[in-house]
Amino acid sequence: MDSSHAPAADDRRARMLRSAARLRAVLRQGVYFLRSMEGARELTSQQISLLTMLKPGGARMTSIASNLGVRTPTATQSVDRLSKAGLVQRDPDPTDARAVLVSLTPQGEEVLAREDQHRSERVADVLYELSAEELDLLKVAQVARHGLWRGRRGQVRAAVRRRDRHV
């Protein structure tokens, strides 16, 4: 076996690990930044995230849990709270009799639209302060994000299922 390629692969792996750590730090800071701008609102960030993932057409509880990065019982509690508030409903999943599909109610759609508008206005206020060059860099980052997520959702879901079985 030719070992001349091993150092290059090791170097690439080390670079990818450093990039992954930086990306995670940037994303985490982005979440903190967005949350800090919300103030006292009708819904929490996690509730907004949950409502957003339900459009269009709803989602199964396992998908909700995976997207929130929590276990299914925790996601169920969140859905219960939103259901009691009249923002979501549970219906039988037409493709699987054992599963339920959680979807937005008309009231949930209205509240989500209002909360999204408020949050977009806060972010727009901050974006207004950026230079044209900084805005262009954000566009490049968005293109890169699409590359990261494209085709990876199945891999992420499988990893989450493996994690949940072992915890």
Foldseek 3Di string as FASTA:
>chain_A
DDCPCVVVVVVVVVVVVVVVVVVVVVVVVVVVVLQVLQPDDPDHPLLLVLQVVQPPPFDWLLVNCLSSVHDSVVSVVSLVVCVVVVFWDWDQDPVDNVTIGIHGDPVNVVRSVVSVVVSVVSVVVVVVPDDPVVVVVVVVVVVVVCVVPVPCPVVSSVVSVVVVVVD
